[in-house]
Amino acid sequence: MKITMHTLTYYLQVVIPVMPMAFLFLNGNTQAGSIILLIYIFVYRPWIDYRRLKQKGIHMSFFKLFLPLERLKYLKSLYGW
């Protein structure tokens, strides 16, 4: 499996925001952690996935990523399998 810099950048964009959330939850600030988690799930992550799919030449509506299980159709394209 060849990992390109674009794939590495995508993985970093997905994983790095999880660290501050974990820090907030571990330090007992669950309210702020929950708000950031919701923003991550419903705003940040679909936006990152949309940009990745667009970069790979897959054009779709941004709002389709909010539909349940819609992102699973593009799993192979997102993660470069």
N, C-alpha and C. Protein backbone atom coordinates (compact mmCIF):
# COMPACT_ATOMS: atom_id res chain seq x y z
N MET A 1 0.85 -1.18 0.00
CA MET A 1 0.00 0.00 0.00
C MET A 1 0.89 1.23 0.00
N LYS A 2 0.71 2.07 -0.97
CA LYS A 2 1.49 3.29 -1.08
C LYS A 2 0.74 4.43 -0.41
N ILE A 3 1.36 5.02 0.60
CA ILE A 3 0.74 6.15 1.29
C ILE A 3 1.37 7.43 0.75
N THR A 4 0.55 8.25 0.11
CA THR A 4 1.05 9.51 -0.42
C THR A 4 0.96 10.59 0.65
N MET A 5 1.56 11.71 0.39
CA MET A 5 1.51 12.81 1.34
C MET A 5 0.08 13.29 1.53
N HIS A 6 -0.73 13.21 0.47
CA HIS A 6 -2.12 13.64 0.60
C HIS A 6 -2.87 12.73 1.57
N THR A 7 -2.61 11.46 1.52
CA THR A 7 -3.26 10.52 2.44
C THR A 7 -2.80 10.78 3.87
N LEU A 8 -1.53 11.00 4.05
CA LEU A 8 -1.00 11.30 5.38
C LEU A 8 -1.61 12.59 5.93
N THR A 9 -1.72 13.59 5.09
CA THR A 9 -2.33 14.85 5.52
C THR A 9 -3.78 14.63 5.93
N TYR A 10 -4.50 13.83 5.16
CA TYR A 10 -5.90 13.54 5.50
C TYR A 10 -5.99 12.83 6.85
N TYR A 11 -5.15 11.83 7.07
CA TYR A 11 -5.18 11.12 8.35
C TYR A 11 -4.87 12.05 9.51
N LEU A 12 -3.91 12.94 9.32
CA LEU A 12 -3.57 13.89 10.38
C LEU A 12 -4.72 14.86 10.65
N GLN A 13 -5.40 15.29 9.60
CA GLN A 13 -6.55 16.18 9.77
C GLN A 13 -7.70 15.49 10.50
N VAL A 14 -7.79 14.19 10.38
CA VAL A 14 -8.85 13.44 11.05
C VAL A 14 -8.48 13.15 12.50
N VAL A 15 -7.22 12.81 12.77
CA VAL A 15 -6.82 12.32 14.09
C VAL A 15 -6.43 13.45 15.06
N ILE A 16 -5.75 14.47 14.59
CA ILE A 16 -5.24 15.51 15.50
C ILE A 16 -6.34 16.20 16.31
N PRO A 17 -7.50 16.52 15.75
CA PRO A 17 -8.53 17.16 16.58
C PRO A 17 -9.08 16.27 17.70
N VAL A 18 -8.86 14.99 17.63
CA VAL A 18 -9.35 14.09 18.67
C VAL A 18 -8.54 14.27 19.97
N MET A 19 -7.29 14.66 19.85
CA MET A 19 -6.43 14.82 21.02
C MET A 19 -6.94 15.88 22.01
N PRO A 20 -7.30 17.09 21.56
CA PRO A 20 -7.85 18.05 22.53
C PRO A 20 -9.15 17.58 23.17
N MET A 21 -9.97 16.86 22.39
CA MET A 21 -11.21 16.33 22.96
C MET A 21 -10.91 15.34 24.07
N ALA A 22 -9.98 14.45 23.83
CA ALA A 22 -9.60 13.47 24.86
C ALA A 22 -9.03 14.18 26.07
N PHE A 23 -8.23 15.21 25.88
CA PHE A 23 -7.66 15.97 26.98
C PHE A 23 -8.77 16.60 27.83
N LEU A 24 -9.78 17.19 27.18
CA LEU A 24 -10.88 17.80 27.91
C LEU A 24 -11.67 16.77 28.70
N PHE A 25 -11.95 15.63 28.09
CA PHE A 25 -12.71 14.60 28.79
C PHE A 25 -11.92 14.02 29.97
N LEU A 26 -10.63 13.81 29.78
CA LEU A 26 -9.81 13.24 30.85
C LEU A 26 -9.62 14.20 32.02
N ASN A 27 -9.71 15.49 31.76
CA ASN A 27 -9.56 16.48 32.83
C ASN A 27 -10.88 16.89 33.43
N GLY A 28 -11.94 16.22 33.09
CA GLY A 28 -13.24 16.44 33.72
C GLY A 28 -14.07 17.57 33.13
N ASN A 29 -13.64 18.15 32.06
CA ASN A 29 -14.41 19.22 31.42
C ASN A 29 -15.28 18.61 30.32
N THR A 30 -16.28 17.86 30.75
CA THR A 30 -17.09 17.09 29.81
C THR A 30 -18.01 17.96 28.97
N GLN A 31 -18.45 19.09 29.50
CA GLN A 31 -19.35 19.94 28.73
C GLN A 31 -18.63 20.52 27.51
N ALA A 32 -17.44 21.07 27.70
CA ALA A 32 -16.68 21.61 26.58
C ALA A 32 -16.27 20.48 25.63
N GLY A 33 -15.88 19.34 26.17
CA GLY A 33 -15.52 18.20 25.34
C GLY A 33 -16.67 17.72 24.49
N SER A 34 -17.88 17.72 25.07
CA SER A 34 -19.06 17.28 24.33
C SER A 34 -19.40 18.25 23.20
N ILE A 35 -19.27 19.54 23.45
CA ILE A 35 -19.56 20.54 22.42
C ILE A 35 -18.56 20.40 21.27
N ILE A 36 -17.29 20.25 21.60
CA ILE A 36 -16.27 20.10 20.56
C ILE A 36 -16.47 18.79 19.80
N LEU A 37 -16.87 17.73 20.49
CA LEU A 37 -17.13 16.45 19.84
C LEU A 37 -18.28 16.57 18.84
N LEU A 38 -19.34 17.26 19.21
CA LEU A 38 -20.47 17.45 18.29
C LEU A 38 -20.07 18.28 17.08
N ILE A 39 -19.27 19.31 17.29
CA ILE A 39 -18.78 20.12 16.17
C ILE A 39 -17.91 19.26 15.26
N TYR A 40 -17.08 18.42 15.85
CA TYR A 40 -16.21 17.54 15.08
C TYR A 40 -17.03 16.57 14.22
N ILE A 41 -18.03 15.96 14.83
CA ILE A 41 -18.82 14.94 14.13
C ILE A 41 -19.71 15.55 13.04
N PHE A 42 -20.37 16.66 13.36
CA PHE A 42 -21.41 17.16 12.45
C PHE A 42 -20.96 18.29 11.53
N VAL A 43 -19.79 18.89 11.78
CA VAL A 43 -19.34 19.99 10.92
C VAL A 43 -17.97 19.69 10.33
N TYR A 44 -16.99 19.49 11.20
CA TYR A 44 -15.61 19.36 10.76
C TYR A 44 -15.36 18.11 9.91
N ARG A 45 -15.79 16.97 10.41
CA ARG A 45 -15.50 15.71 9.72
C ARG A 45 -16.18 15.60 8.36
N PRO A 46 -17.46 15.96 8.22
CA PRO A 46 -18.04 15.93 6.86
C PRO A 46 -17.34 16.90 5.91
N TRP A 47 -16.90 18.05 6.42
CA TRP A 47 -16.19 19.02 5.59
C TRP A 47 -14.87 18.45 5.10
N ILE A 48 -14.11 17.82 6.00
CA ILE A 48 -12.83 17.20 5.63
C ILE A 48 -13.06 16.07 4.62
N ASP A 49 -14.06 15.23 4.86
CA ASP A 49 -14.36 14.13 3.93
C ASP A 49 -14.79 14.66 2.56
N TYR A 50 -15.57 15.73 2.54
CA TYR A 50 -16.01 16.32 1.28
C TYR A 50 -14.81 16.83 0.49
N ARG A 51 -13.91 17.52 1.16
CA ARG A 51 -12.71 18.03 0.49
C ARG A 51 -11.87 16.90 -0.06
N ARG A 52 -11.75 15.80 0.70
CA ARG A 52 -10.95 14.64 0.27
C ARG A 52 -11.57 14.00 -0.98
N LEU A 53 -12.89 13.82 -0.95
CA LEU A 53 -13.57 13.23 -2.11
C LEU A 53 -13.47 14.13 -3.33
N LYS A 54 -13.60 15.43 -3.14
CA LYS A 54 -13.48 16.36 -4.25
C LYS A 54 -12.07 16.34 -4.83
N GLN A 55 -11.07 16.22 -3.95
CA GLN A 55 -9.68 16.15 -4.39
C GLN A 55 -9.43 14.90 -5.23
N LYS A 56 -10.12 13.81 -4.90
CA LYS A 56 -9.96 12.56 -5.64
C LYS A 56 -10.82 12.51 -6.89
N GLY A 57 -11.57 13.58 -7.17
CA GLY A 57 -12.37 13.64 -8.38
C GLY A 57 -13.77 13.10 -8.24
N ILE A 58 -14.23 12.84 -7.04
CA ILE A 58 -15.59 12.35 -6.81
C ILE A 58 -16.44 13.56 -6.42
N HIS A 59 -17.32 13.97 -7.31
CA HIS A 59 -18.13 15.14 -7.05
C HIS A 59 -19.50 14.70 -6.56
N MET A 60 -19.88 15.25 -5.42
CA MET A 60 -21.16 14.94 -4.80
C MET A 60 -21.61 16.14 -4.00
N SER A 61 -22.83 16.11 -3.56
CA SER A 61 -23.36 17.19 -2.74
C SER A 61 -22.77 17.09 -1.33
N PHE A 62 -22.37 18.22 -0.80
CA PHE A 62 -21.81 18.25 0.56
C PHE A 62 -22.81 17.70 1.57
N PHE A 63 -24.07 17.99 1.38
CA PHE A 63 -25.10 17.60 2.34
C PHE A 63 -25.41 16.11 2.32
N LYS A 64 -24.98 15.39 1.29
CA LYS A 64 -25.17 13.94 1.27
C LYS A 64 -24.36 13.26 2.37
N LEU A 65 -23.27 13.89 2.80
CA LEU A 65 -22.44 13.29 3.84
C LEU A 65 -23.13 13.30 5.21
N PHE A 66 -24.20 14.06 5.35
CA PHE A 66 -24.93 14.09 6.60
C PHE A 66 -25.98 12.97 6.69
N LEU A 67 -26.27 12.33 5.57
CA LEU A 67 -27.24 11.24 5.57
C LEU A 67 -26.63 10.00 6.22
N PRO A 68 -27.42 9.27 6.99
CA PRO A 68 -26.89 8.06 7.64
C PRO A 68 -26.35 7.07 6.61
N LEU A 69 -25.20 6.56 6.87
CA LEU A 69 -24.51 5.54 6.09
C LEU A 69 -24.07 6.00 4.70
N GLU A 70 -24.27 7.26 4.35
CA GLU A 70 -23.87 7.75 3.03
C GLU A 70 -22.35 7.76 2.88
N ARG A 71 -21.66 8.07 3.96
CA ARG A 71 -20.20 8.14 3.92
C ARG A 71 -19.59 6.75 3.71
N LEU A 72 -20.31 5.71 4.09
CA LEU A 72 -19.79 4.35 3.92
C LEU A 72 -19.63 3.97 2.44
N LYS A 73 -20.41 4.58 1.56
CA LYS A 73 -20.29 4.31 0.13
C LYS A 73 -18.93 4.73 -0.39
N TYR A 74 -18.33 5.72 0.25
CA TYR A 74 -17.08 6.29 -0.23
C TYR A 74 -15.90 5.93 0.67
N LEU A 75 -16.04 4.91 1.49
CA LEU A 75 -15.00 4.53 2.45
C LEU A 75 -13.68 4.20 1.76
N LYS A 76 -13.75 3.45 0.69
CA LYS A 76 -12.53 3.06 -0.02
C LYS A 76 -11.82 4.28 -0.60
N SER A 77 -12.58 5.23 -1.12
CA SER A 77 -11.98 6.44 -1.68
C SER A 77 -11.41 7.35 -0.61
N LEU A 78 -12.07 7.41 0.53
CA LEU A 78 -11.60 8.28 1.60
C LEU A 78 -10.29 7.80 2.20
N TYR A 79 -10.20 6.51 2.46
CA TYR A 79 -9.04 5.99 3.18
C TYR A 79 -7.98 5.38 2.27
N GLY A 80 -8.20 5.41 0.98
CA GLY A 80 -7.17 5.00 0.03
C GLY A 80 -6.85 3.53 0.01
N TRP A 81 -7.85 2.67 0.25
CA TRP A 81 -7.61 1.23 0.24
C TRP A 81 -7.50 0.71 -1.15
